[in-house]
Amino acid sequence: MTGKHYSIEISDEAECDFDNSYNYYFEHSPKVADDFFQRISISFENIKTIPFSFPEVYKNVRKFTVKKFPFVIYFQVEEYAIKVIAIFHTSRNPEIWNVRVDE
């Protein structure tokens, strides 16, 4: 029996979240920025493999905690797509990403 093969779709807002964070790390240390990039990539692979194993936190939105960085990836599973809503620093107000969720 084979599992589903999910694709990752990153919203414009989530891409902006990532870009801002990556640029911040890059200004301080290109090596740390590279590690951040790798951790986000690994996180996406983990999410694609077992998306329903991560907790649902808000209106069908699930949460993946990134290892080694204070970030959370918020996503929804729709058919065969993982829709990334936010790549969010844990110190930020969650109300910011909550408004990104379609009702």
Protein backbone atom coordinates (compact mmCIF):
# COMPACT_ATOMS: atom_id res chain seq x y z
CA MET A 1 0.00 0.00 0.00
CA THR A 2 1.42 3.37 -0.99
CA GLY A 3 0.71 6.64 0.74
CA LYS A 4 -0.42 9.87 -0.77
CA HIS A 5 2.13 12.09 -2.42
CA TYR A 6 1.62 15.65 -1.28
CA SER A 7 2.90 18.81 -2.90
CA ILE A 8 3.82 21.95 -0.98
CA GLU A 9 2.14 25.23 -1.91
CA ILE A 10 3.54 28.27 -0.13
CA SER A 11 1.32 31.32 0.18
CA ASP A 12 2.72 34.73 -0.71
CA GLU A 13 2.51 35.70 2.98
CA ALA A 14 4.42 32.60 4.09
CA GLU A 15 7.05 33.23 1.44
CA CYS A 16 7.39 36.78 2.76
CA ASP A 17 7.70 35.39 6.33
CA PHE A 18 10.52 33.13 5.17
CA ASP A 19 12.30 35.80 3.13
CA ASN A 20 12.26 38.31 5.99
CA SER A 21 13.60 35.75 8.46
CA TYR A 22 16.22 34.41 6.07
CA ASN A 23 17.45 37.94 5.29
CA TYR A 24 17.63 38.76 9.00
CA TYR A 25 19.77 35.68 9.66
CA PHE A 26 21.89 36.32 6.55
CA GLU A 27 22.75 39.84 7.72
CA HIS A 28 24.09 38.37 10.97
CA SER A 29 25.58 35.12 9.64
CA PRO A 30 25.30 33.54 6.20
CA LYS A 31 26.05 30.17 7.85
CA VAL A 32 23.06 30.51 10.19
CA ALA A 33 20.90 31.61 7.25
CA ASP A 34 21.94 28.46 5.38
CA ASP A 35 21.08 26.33 8.39
CA PHE A 36 17.69 28.06 8.63
CA PHE A 37 17.03 27.33 4.94
CA GLN A 38 17.96 23.65 5.43
CA ARG A 39 15.76 23.32 8.54
CA ILE A 40 12.75 24.76 6.70
CA SER A 41 13.37 22.39 3.77
CA ILE A 42 13.61 19.40 6.12
CA SER A 43 10.44 20.57 7.86
CA PHE A 44 8.56 20.62 4.55
CA GLU A 45 9.69 17.06 3.83
CA ASN A 46 8.50 15.92 7.27
CA ILE A 47 5.15 17.62 6.76
CA LYS A 48 4.72 16.03 3.31
CA THR A 49 5.42 12.57 4.72
CA ILE A 50 2.94 12.57 7.62
CA PRO A 51 0.85 15.77 7.53
CA PHE A 52 -2.00 14.52 9.71
CA SER A 53 0.31 13.62 12.58
CA PHE A 54 0.79 17.27 13.52
CA PRO A 55 -1.69 18.98 15.83
CA GLU A 56 -4.62 20.93 14.51
CA VAL A 57 -4.59 24.36 16.15
CA TYR A 58 -7.16 26.51 14.36
CA LYS A 59 -9.80 25.97 11.63
CA ASN A 60 -8.14 22.94 9.97
CA VAL A 61 -4.72 24.55 10.38
CA ARG A 62 -1.95 22.29 11.61
CA LYS A 63 1.30 23.26 13.26
CA PHE A 64 4.83 21.97 12.77
CA THR A 65 7.57 23.16 15.12
CA VAL A 66 10.90 23.71 13.37
CA LYS A 67 13.89 22.14 15.10
CA LYS A 68 16.80 24.38 16.21
CA PHE A 69 14.95 27.61 15.33
CA PRO A 70 12.07 29.36 17.14
CA PHE A 71 9.69 28.97 14.21
CA VAL A 72 6.42 27.23 13.53
CA ILE A 73 5.01 26.31 10.12
CA TYR A 74 1.22 26.61 9.92
CA PHE A 75 -0.41 24.65 7.12
CA GLN A 76 -3.63 23.11 5.83
CA VAL A 77 -4.03 19.81 4.00
CA GLU A 78 -6.30 19.99 0.95
CA GLU A 79 -6.55 16.94 -1.31
CA TYR A 80 -2.93 16.24 -2.28
CA ALA A 81 -1.57 19.68 -1.40
CA ILE A 82 -0.02 21.06 1.75
CA LYS A 83 -0.90 24.76 1.80
CA VAL A 84 1.61 26.66 3.92
CA ILE A 85 -0.06 29.68 5.51
CA ALA A 86 2.77 30.99 7.66
CA ILE A 87 6.38 30.41 8.63
CA PHE A 88 6.16 32.20 11.90
CA HIS A 89 8.57 33.17 14.67
CA THR A 90 7.16 31.91 17.95
CA SER A 91 7.43 35.33 19.61
CA ARG A 92 5.02 36.91 17.12
CA ASN A 93 1.34 37.42 17.85
CA PRO A 94 -0.62 34.48 16.34
CA GLU A 95 -3.49 36.81 15.48
CA ILE A 96 -1.35 37.91 12.53
CA TRP A 97 -1.48 34.53 10.79
CA ASN A 98 -5.02 33.72 11.94
CA VAL A 99 -6.44 36.30 9.50
CA ARG A 100 -4.75 34.45 6.64
CA VAL A 101 -7.05 31.46 7.06
CA ASP A 102 -9.99 31.28 4.66
CA GLU A 103 -13.29 30.90 6.42
